[in-house]
Amino acid sequence: MTLCPSCGKPMTEIRGGRLNYPSRFAGLVAVHEMDYWQCPACGEQEFTPDGVGQIEARVAAVVAEWLQRQPLSSFLSPKEAAA
């Protein structure tokens, strides 16, 4: 049994679940088919190294999709950025 590092209560194992991960770059990102532990008492979540990789890949994909949708005029030129 895994205990919550925040409150000490038993954590629940979630297998193949959907995780809504709050990313400071991409907002709330849905990661599907995720295995993780969650504390039903305080909401703390723990991830395996593979799970962290899944989250990072999904956040990167969401950011890349957003960037692709932006018009070129939204970006600064190198000259503008250096000013």
PDB file of N, CA and C in Angstrom:
ATOM      1  N   MET A   1       0.852  -1.180   0.000  1.00  0.00           N
ATOM      2  CA  MET A   1       0.000   0.000   0.000  1.00  0.00           C
ATOM      3  C   MET A   1       0.898   1.243   0.000  1.00  0.00           C
ATOM      4  N   THR A   2       0.537   2.185  -0.843  1.00  0.00           N
ATOM      5  CA  THR A   2       1.267   3.441  -0.932  1.00  0.00           C
ATOM      6  C   THR A   2       0.559   4.493  -0.090  1.00  0.00           C
ATOM      7  N   LEU A   3       1.315   5.176   0.754  1.00  0.00           N
ATOM      8  CA  LEU A   3       0.745   6.222   1.593  1.00  0.00           C
ATOM      9  C   LEU A   3       1.056   7.588   0.998  1.00  0.00           C
ATOM     10  N   CYS A   4       0.133   8.495   1.160  1.00  0.00           N
ATOM     11  CA  CYS A   4       0.268   9.856   0.643  1.00  0.00           C
ATOM     12  C   CYS A   4       1.404  10.571   1.380  1.00  0.00           C
ATOM     13  N   PRO A   5       2.335  11.180   0.619  1.00  0.00           N
ATOM     14  CA  PRO A   5       3.423  11.903   1.273  1.00  0.00           C
ATOM     15  C   PRO A   5       2.959  13.207   1.934  1.00  0.00           C
ATOM     16  N   SER A   6       1.773  13.686   1.552  1.00  0.00           N
ATOM     17  CA  SER A   6       1.278  14.946   2.114  1.00  0.00           C
ATOM     18  C   SER A   6       0.481  14.755   3.395  1.00  0.00           C
ATOM     19  N   CYS A   7      -0.438  13.749   3.387  1.00  0.00           N
ATOM     20  CA  CYS A   7      -1.315  13.595   4.558  1.00  0.00           C
ATOM     21  C   CYS A   7      -1.203  12.235   5.248  1.00  0.00           C
ATOM     22  N   GLY A   8      -0.475  11.290   4.635  1.00  0.00           N
ATOM     23  CA  GLY A   8      -0.271   9.987   5.262  1.00  0.00           C
ATOM     24  C   GLY A   8      -1.390   8.983   5.064  1.00  0.00           C
ATOM     25  N   LYS A   9      -2.450   9.353   4.351  1.00  0.00           N
ATOM     26  CA  LYS A   9      -3.571   8.428   4.097  1.00  0.00           C
ATOM     27  C   LYS A   9      -3.212   7.490   2.946  1.00  0.00           C
ATOM     28  N   PRO A  10      -3.895   6.329   2.861  1.00  0.00           N
ATOM     29  CA  PRO A  10      -3.643   5.400   1.747  1.00  0.00           C
ATOM     30  C   PRO A  10      -4.053   6.032   0.407  1.00  0.00           C
ATOM     31  N   MET A  11      -3.207   5.813  -0.610  1.00  0.00           N
ATOM     32  CA  MET A  11      -3.488   6.335  -1.936  1.00  0.00           C
ATOM     33  C   MET A  11      -4.170   5.261  -2.778  1.00  0.00           C
ATOM     34  N   THR A  12      -4.936   5.685  -3.759  1.00  0.00           N
ATOM     35  CA  THR A  12      -5.640   4.785  -4.671  1.00  0.00           C
ATOM     36  C   THR A  12      -4.863   4.706  -5.968  1.00  0.00           C
ATOM     37  N   GLU A  13      -4.663   3.490  -6.462  1.00  0.00           N
ATOM     38  CA  GLU A  13      -3.973   3.320  -7.738  1.00  0.00           C
ATOM     39  C   GLU A  13      -4.984   3.480  -8.875  1.00  0.00           C
ATOM     40  N   ILE A  14      -4.671   4.353  -9.817  1.00  0.00           N
ATOM     41  CA  ILE A  14      -5.520   4.577 -10.987  1.00  0.00           C
ATOM     42  C   ILE A  14      -4.793   3.962 -12.179  1.00  0.00           C
ATOM     43  N   ARG A  15      -5.445   3.041 -12.870  1.00  0.00           N
ATOM     44  CA  ARG A  15      -4.839   2.391 -14.038  1.00  0.00           C
ATOM     45  C   ARG A  15      -5.643   2.740 -15.286  1.00  0.00           C
ATOM     46  N   GLY A  16      -4.942   3.232 -16.290  1.00  0.00           N
ATOM     47  CA  GLY A  16      -5.596   3.546 -17.558  1.00  0.00           C
ATOM     48  C   GLY A  16      -6.607   4.666 -17.458  1.00  0.00           C
ATOM     49  N   GLY A  17      -6.407   5.559 -16.506  1.00  0.00           N
ATOM     50  CA  GLY A  17      -7.359   6.640 -16.286  1.00  0.00           C
ATOM     51  C   GLY A  17      -7.028   7.882 -17.093  1.00  0.00           C
ATOM     52  N   ARG A  18      -7.902   8.846 -16.990  1.00  0.00           N
ATOM     53  CA  ARG A  18      -7.691  10.150 -17.633  1.00  0.00           C
ATOM     54  C   ARG A  18      -7.238  11.117 -16.551  1.00  0.00           C
ATOM     55  N   LEU A  19      -6.122  11.762 -16.803  1.00  0.00           N
ATOM     56  CA  LEU A  19      -5.569  12.723 -15.870  1.00  0.00           C
ATOM     57  C   LEU A  19      -5.698  14.113 -16.472  1.00  0.00           C
ATOM     58  N   ASN A  20      -6.254  15.046 -15.736  1.00  0.00           N
ATOM     59  CA  ASN A  20      -6.285  16.446 -16.151  1.00  0.00           C
ATOM     60  C   ASN A  20      -5.131  17.141 -15.442  1.00  0.00           C
ATOM     61  N   TYR A  21      -4.058  17.354 -16.195  1.00  0.00           N
ATOM     62  CA  TYR A  21      -2.828  17.888 -15.619  1.00  0.00           C
ATOM     63  C   TYR A  21      -2.752  19.398 -15.829  1.00  0.00           C
ATOM     64  N   PRO A  22      -2.587  20.179 -14.754  1.00  0.00           N
ATOM     65  CA  PRO A  22      -2.479  21.635 -14.904  1.00  0.00           C
ATOM     66  C   PRO A  22      -1.051  22.039 -15.291  1.00  0.00           C
ATOM     67  N   SER A  23      -0.879  22.453 -16.540  1.00  0.00           N
ATOM     68  CA  SER A  23       0.428  22.891 -17.032  1.00  0.00           C
ATOM     69  C   SER A  23       0.476  24.406 -17.057  1.00  0.00           C
ATOM     70  N   ARG A  24       1.563  24.978 -16.588  1.00  0.00           N
ATOM     71  CA  ARG A  24       1.649  26.434 -16.603  1.00  0.00           C
ATOM     72  C   ARG A  24       1.833  26.970 -18.016  1.00  0.00           C
ATOM     73  N   PHE A  25       2.260  26.119 -18.959  1.00  0.00           N
ATOM     74  CA  PHE A  25       2.447  26.554 -20.343  1.00  0.00           C
ATOM     75  C   PHE A  25       1.224  26.284 -21.204  1.00  0.00           C
ATOM     76  N   ALA A  26       0.521  25.184 -20.940  1.00  0.00           N
ATOM     77  CA  ALA A  26      -0.553  24.753 -21.836  1.00  0.00           C
ATOM     78  C   ALA A  26      -1.925  24.736 -21.176  1.00  0.00           C
ATOM     79  N   GLY A  27      -2.044  25.184 -19.929  1.00  0.00           N
ATOM     80  CA  GLY A  27      -3.328  25.130 -19.241  1.00  0.00           C
ATOM     81  C   GLY A  27      -3.625  23.701 -18.788  1.00  0.00           C
ATOM     82  N   LEU A  28      -4.888  23.360 -18.714  1.00  0.00           N
ATOM     83  CA  LEU A  28      -5.299  22.025 -18.274  1.00  0.00           C
ATOM     84  C   LEU A  28      -5.173  21.056 -19.444  1.00  0.00           C
ATOM     85  N   VAL A  29      -4.319  20.051 -19.307  1.00  0.00           N
ATOM     86  CA  VAL A  29      -4.025  19.108 -20.380  1.00  0.00           C
ATOM     87  C   VAL A  29      -4.554  17.730 -19.996  1.00  0.00           C
ATOM     88  N   ALA A  30      -5.354  17.135 -20.877  1.00  0.00           N
ATOM     89  CA  ALA A  30      -5.884  15.790 -20.640  1.00  0.00           C
ATOM     90  C   ALA A  30      -4.862  14.763 -21.120  1.00  0.00           C
ATOM     91  N   VAL A  31      -4.474  13.855 -20.224  1.00  0.00           N
ATOM     92  CA  VAL A  31      -3.563  12.763 -20.563  1.00  0.00           C
ATOM     93  C   VAL A  31      -4.360  11.475 -20.387  1.00  0.00           C
ATOM     94  N   HIS A  32      -4.543  10.739 -21.472  1.00  0.00           N
ATOM     95  CA  HIS A  32      -5.359   9.532 -21.445  1.00  0.00           C
ATOM     96  C   HIS A  32      -4.498   8.291 -21.210  1.00  0.00           C
ATOM     97  N   GLU A  33      -5.148   7.234 -20.738  1.00  0.00           N
ATOM     98  CA  GLU A  33      -4.484   5.946 -20.485  1.00  0.00           C
ATOM     99  C   GLU A  33      -3.289   6.114 -19.553  1.00  0.00           C
ATOM    100  N   MET A  34      -3.524   6.828 -18.471  1.00  0.00           N
ATOM    101  CA  MET A  34      -2.472   7.160 -17.515  1.00  0.00           C
ATOM    102  C   MET A  34      -2.585   6.275 -16.280  1.00  0.00           C
ATOM    103  N   ASP A  35      -1.460   5.759 -15.812  1.00  0.00           N
ATOM    104  CA  ASP A  35      -1.397   5.030 -14.544  1.00  0.00           C
ATOM    105  C   ASP A  35      -0.749   5.960 -13.516  1.00  0.00           C
ATOM    106  N   TYR A  36      -1.408   6.130 -12.370  1.00  0.00           N
ATOM    107  CA  TYR A  36      -0.867   6.998 -11.321  1.00  0.00           C
ATOM    108  C   TYR A  36      -1.539   6.664  -9.999  1.00  0.00           C
ATOM    109  N   TRP A  37      -1.040   7.276  -8.949  1.00  0.00           N
ATOM    110  CA  TRP A  37      -1.608   7.135  -7.612  1.00  0.00           C
ATOM    111  C   TRP A  37      -2.239   8.463  -7.226  1.00  0.00           C
ATOM    112  N   GLN A  38      -3.407   8.390  -6.569  1.00  0.00           N
ATOM    113  CA  GLN A  38      -4.075   9.608  -6.121  1.00  0.00           C
ATOM    114  C   GLN A  38      -4.610   9.402  -4.714  1.00  0.00           C
ATOM    115  N   CYS A  39      -4.449  10.429  -3.892  1.00  0.00           N
ATOM    116  CA  CYS A  39      -4.954  10.373  -2.525  1.00  0.00           C
ATOM    117  C   CYS A  39      -6.405  10.845  -2.520  1.00  0.00           C
ATOM    118  N   PRO A  40      -7.343  10.007  -2.086  1.00  0.00           N
ATOM    119  CA  PRO A  40      -8.734  10.431  -2.033  1.00  0.00           C
ATOM    120  C   PRO A  40      -8.998  11.467  -0.942  1.00  0.00           C
ATOM    121  N   ALA A  41      -8.087  11.557   0.021  1.00  0.00           N
ATOM    122  CA  ALA A  41      -8.278  12.501   1.131  1.00  0.00           C
ATOM    123  C   ALA A  41      -7.867  13.928   0.757  1.00  0.00           C
ATOM    124  N   CYS A  42      -6.681  14.086   0.146  1.00  0.00           N
ATOM    125  CA  CYS A  42      -6.184  15.445  -0.117  1.00  0.00           C
ATOM    126  C   CYS A  42      -5.973  15.757  -1.593  1.00  0.00           C
ATOM    127  N   GLY A  43      -6.058  14.737  -2.461  1.00  0.00           N
ATOM    128  CA  GLY A  43      -5.930  14.968  -3.898  1.00  0.00           C
ATOM    129  C   GLY A  43      -4.507  14.885  -4.432  1.00  0.00           C
ATOM    130  N   GLU A  44      -3.528  14.675  -3.566  1.00  0.00           N
ATOM    131  CA  GLU A  44      -2.130  14.540  -4.007  1.00  0.00           C
ATOM    132  C   GLU A  44      -2.028  13.435  -5.056  1.00  0.00           C
ATOM    133  N   GLN A  45      -1.166  13.634  -6.051  1.00  0.00           N
ATOM    134  CA  GLN A  45      -0.960  12.641  -7.104  1.00  0.00           C
ATOM    135  C   GLN A  45       0.517  12.310  -7.200  1.00  0.00           C
ATOM    136  N   GLU A  46       0.805  11.030  -7.485  1.00  0.00           N
ATOM    137  CA  GLU A  46       2.175  10.572  -7.691  1.00  0.00           C
ATOM    138  C   GLU A  46       2.230   9.815  -9.005  1.00  0.00           C
ATOM    139  N   PHE A  47       3.363  10.001  -9.729  1.00  0.00           N
ATOM    140  CA  PHE A  47       3.514   9.407 -11.043  1.00  0.00           C
ATOM    141  C   PHE A  47       4.800   8.592 -11.110  1.00  0.00           C
ATOM    142  N   THR A  48       4.786   7.575 -11.954  1.00  0.00           N
ATOM    143  CA  THR A  48       6.000   6.808 -12.227  1.00  0.00           C
ATOM    144  C   THR A  48       6.851   7.624 -13.204  1.00  0.00           C
ATOM    145  N   PRO A  49       8.122   7.259 -13.379  1.00  0.00           N
ATOM    146  CA  PRO A  49       8.927   7.950 -14.392  1.00  0.00           C
ATOM    147  C   PRO A  49       8.290   7.875 -15.792  1.00  0.00           C
ATOM    148  N   ASP A  50       7.702   6.736 -16.140  1.00  0.00           N
ATOM    149  CA  ASP A  50       7.016   6.616 -17.428  1.00  0.00           C
ATOM    150  C   ASP A  50       5.814   7.559 -17.493  1.00  0.00           C
ATOM    151  N   GLY A  51       5.105   7.677 -16.394  1.00  0.00           N
ATOM    152  CA  GLY A  51       3.960   8.577 -16.341  1.00  0.00           C
ATOM    153  C   GLY A  51       4.363  10.030 -16.525  1.00  0.00           C
ATOM    154  N   VAL A  52       5.487  10.414 -15.919  1.00  0.00           N
ATOM    155  CA  VAL A  52       5.996  11.775 -16.087  1.00  0.00           C
ATOM    156  C   VAL A  52       6.342  12.004 -17.560  1.00  0.00           C
ATOM    157  N   GLY A  53       6.925  10.985 -18.195  1.00  0.00           N
ATOM    158  CA  GLY A  53       7.231  11.081 -19.623  1.00  0.00           C
ATOM    159  C   GLY A  53       5.974  11.264 -20.466  1.00  0.00           C
ATOM    160  N   GLN A  54       4.894  10.552 -20.112  1.00  0.00           N
ATOM    161  CA  GLN A  54       3.619  10.704 -20.814  1.00  0.00           C
ATOM    162  C   GLN A  54       3.091  12.135 -20.675  1.00  0.00           C
ATOM    163  N   ILE A  55       3.160  12.663 -19.470  1.00  0.00           N
ATOM    164  CA  ILE A  55       2.683  14.030 -19.222  1.00  0.00           C
ATOM    165  C   ILE A  55       3.502  15.026 -20.028  1.00  0.00           C
ATOM    166  N   GLU A  56       4.823  14.907 -19.961  1.00  0.00           N
ATOM    167  CA  GLU A  56       5.693  15.840 -20.685  1.00  0.00           C
ATOM    168  C   GLU A  56       5.438  15.789 -22.189  1.00  0.00           C
ATOM    169  N   ALA A  57       5.262  14.582 -22.735  1.00  0.00           N
ATOM    170  CA  ALA A  57       5.011  14.430 -24.171  1.00  0.00           C
ATOM    171  C   ALA A  57       3.680  15.070 -24.560  1.00  0.00           C
ATOM    172  N   ARG A  58       2.665  14.875 -23.740  1.00  0.00           N
ATOM    173  CA  ARG A  58       1.347  15.439 -24.064  1.00  0.00           C
ATOM    174  C   ARG A  58       1.362  16.963 -23.971  1.00  0.00           C
ATOM    175  N   VAL A  59       2.018  17.510 -22.949  1.00  0.00           N
ATOM    176  CA  VAL A  59       2.119  18.963 -22.822  1.00  0.00           C
ATOM    177  C   VAL A  59       2.875  19.525 -24.023  1.00  0.00           C
ATOM    178  N   ALA A  60       3.977  18.891 -24.418  1.00  0.00           N
ATOM    179  CA  ALA A  60       4.746  19.354 -25.579  1.00  0.00           C
ATOM    180  C   ALA A  60       3.893  19.320 -26.843  1.00  0.00           C
ATOM    181  N   ALA A  61       3.078  18.281 -27.004  1.00  0.00           N
ATOM    182  CA  ALA A  61       2.210  18.185 -28.181  1.00  0.00           C
ATOM    183  C   ALA A  61       1.161  19.290 -28.190  1.00  0.00           C
ATOM    184  N   VAL A  62       0.576  19.575 -27.041  1.00  0.00           N
ATOM    185  CA  VAL A  62      -0.440  20.633 -26.955  1.00  0.00           C
ATOM    186  C   VAL A  62       0.181  21.993 -27.269  1.00  0.00           C
ATOM    187  N   VAL A  63       1.368  22.262 -26.744  1.00  0.00           N
ATOM    188  CA  VAL A  63       2.049  23.532 -27.013  1.00  0.00           C
ATOM    189  C   VAL A  63       2.393  23.628 -28.503  1.00  0.00           C
ATOM    190  N   ALA A  64       2.905  22.542 -29.089  1.00  0.00           N
ATOM    191  CA  ALA A  64       3.254  22.549 -30.516  1.00  0.00           C
ATOM    192  C   ALA A  64       2.019  22.794 -31.385  1.00  0.00           C
ATOM    193  N   GLU A  65       0.903  22.152 -31.039  1.00  0.00           N
ATOM    194  CA  GLU A  65      -0.342  22.359 -31.791  1.00  0.00           C
ATOM    195  C   GLU A  65      -0.783  23.819 -31.701  1.00  0.00           C
ATOM    196  N   TRP A  66      -0.676  24.402 -30.517  1.00  0.00           N
ATOM    197  CA  TRP A  66      -1.067  25.797 -30.339  1.00  0.00           C
ATOM    198  C   TRP A  66      -0.175  26.718 -31.170  1.00  0.00           C
ATOM    199  N   LEU A  67       1.139  26.473 -31.127  1.00  0.00           N
ATOM    200  CA  LEU A  67       2.069  27.308 -31.888  1.00  0.00           C
ATOM    201  C   LEU A  67       1.797  27.224 -33.389  1.00  0.00           C
ATOM    202  N   GLN A  68       1.467  26.035 -33.877  1.00  0.00           N
ATOM    203  CA  GLN A  68       1.179  25.858 -35.304  1.00  0.00           C
ATOM    204  C   GLN A  68      -0.041  26.652 -35.752  1.00  0.00           C
ATOM    205  N   ARG A  69      -0.974  26.888 -34.855  1.00  0.00           N
ATOM    206  CA  ARG A  69      -2.204  27.613 -35.199  1.00  0.00           C
ATOM    207  C   ARG A  69      -2.037  29.132 -35.175  1.00  0.00           C
ATOM    208  N   GLN A  70      -0.910  29.614 -34.641  1.00  0.00           N
ATOM    209  CA  GLN A  70      -0.716  31.045 -34.509  1.00  0.00           C
ATOM    210  C   GLN A  70      -0.224  31.647 -35.824  1.00  0.00           C
ATOM    211  N   PRO A  71      -0.729  32.830 -36.193  1.00  0.00           N
ATOM    212  CA  PRO A  71      -0.226  33.486 -37.398  1.00  0.00           C
ATOM    213  C   PRO A  71       1.215  33.947 -37.188  1.00  0.00           C
ATOM    214  N   LEU A  72       1.974  33.959 -38.265  1.00  0.00           N
ATOM    215  CA  LEU A  72       3.380  34.344 -38.197  1.00  0.00           C
ATOM    216  C   LEU A  72       3.562  35.734 -37.582  1.00  0.00           C
ATOM    217  N   SER A  73       2.585  36.592 -37.788  1.00  0.00           N
ATOM    218  CA  SER A  73       2.688  37.959 -37.258  1.00  0.00           C
ATOM    219  C   SER A  73       2.626  38.009 -35.727  1.00  0.00           C
ATOM    220  N   SER A  74       2.246  36.910 -35.102  1.00  0.00           N
ATOM    221  CA  SER A  74       2.193  36.866 -33.635  1.00  0.00           C
ATOM    222  C   SER A  74       3.576  36.773 -33.003  1.00  0.00           C
ATOM    223  N   PHE A  75       4.572  36.417 -33.789  1.00  0.00           N
ATOM    224  CA  PHE A  75       5.911  36.190 -33.269  1.00  0.00           C
ATOM    225  C   PHE A  75       6.806  37.399 -33.526  1.00  0.00           C
ATOM    226  N   LEU A  76       7.766  37.613 -32.646  1.00  0.00           N
ATOM    227  CA  LEU A  76       8.728  38.701 -32.795  1.00  0.00           C
ATOM    228  C   LEU A  76       9.854  38.273 -33.732  1.00  0.00           C
ATOM    229  N   SER A  77      10.362  39.215 -34.485  1.00  0.00           N
ATOM    230  CA  SER A  77      11.555  38.947 -35.285  1.00  0.00           C
ATOM    231  C   SER A  77      12.757  38.973 -34.341  1.00  0.00           C
ATOM    232  N   PRO A  78      13.904  38.416 -34.753  1.00  0.00           N
ATOM    233  CA  PRO A  78      15.093  38.506 -33.900  1.00  0.00           C
ATOM    234  C   PRO A  78      15.459  39.947 -33.548  1.00  0.00           C
ATOM    235  N   LYS A  79      15.281  40.864 -34.508  1.00  0.00           N
ATOM    236  CA  LYS A  79      15.591  42.270 -34.269  1.00  0.00           C
ATOM    237  C   LYS A  79      14.672  42.850 -33.201  1.00  0.00           C
ATOM    238  N   GLU A  80      13.388  42.538 -33.270  1.00  0.00           N
ATOM    239  CA  GLU A  80      12.421  43.024 -32.275  1.00  0.00           C
ATOM    240  C   GLU A  80      12.723  42.425 -30.893  1.00  0.00           C
ATOM    241  N   ALA A  81      13.102  41.162 -30.875  1.00  0.00           N
ATOM    242  CA  ALA A  81      13.390  40.487 -29.603  1.00  0.00           C
ATOM    243  C   ALA A  81      14.636  41.061 -28.941  1.00  0.00           C
ATOM    244  N   ALA A  82      15.610  41.483 -29.745  1.00  0.00           N
ATOM    245  CA  ALA A  82      16.846  42.032 -29.200  1.00  0.00           C
ATOM    246  C   ALA A  82      16.692  43.453 -28.690  1.00  0.00           C
ATOM    247  N   ALA A  83      15.650  44.143 -29.119  1.00  0.00           N
ATOM    248  CA  ALA A  83      15.466  45.559 -28.748  1.00  0.00           C
ATOM    249  C   ALA A  83      15.044  45.714 -27.301  1.00  0.00           C
TER     250      ALA A  83
END
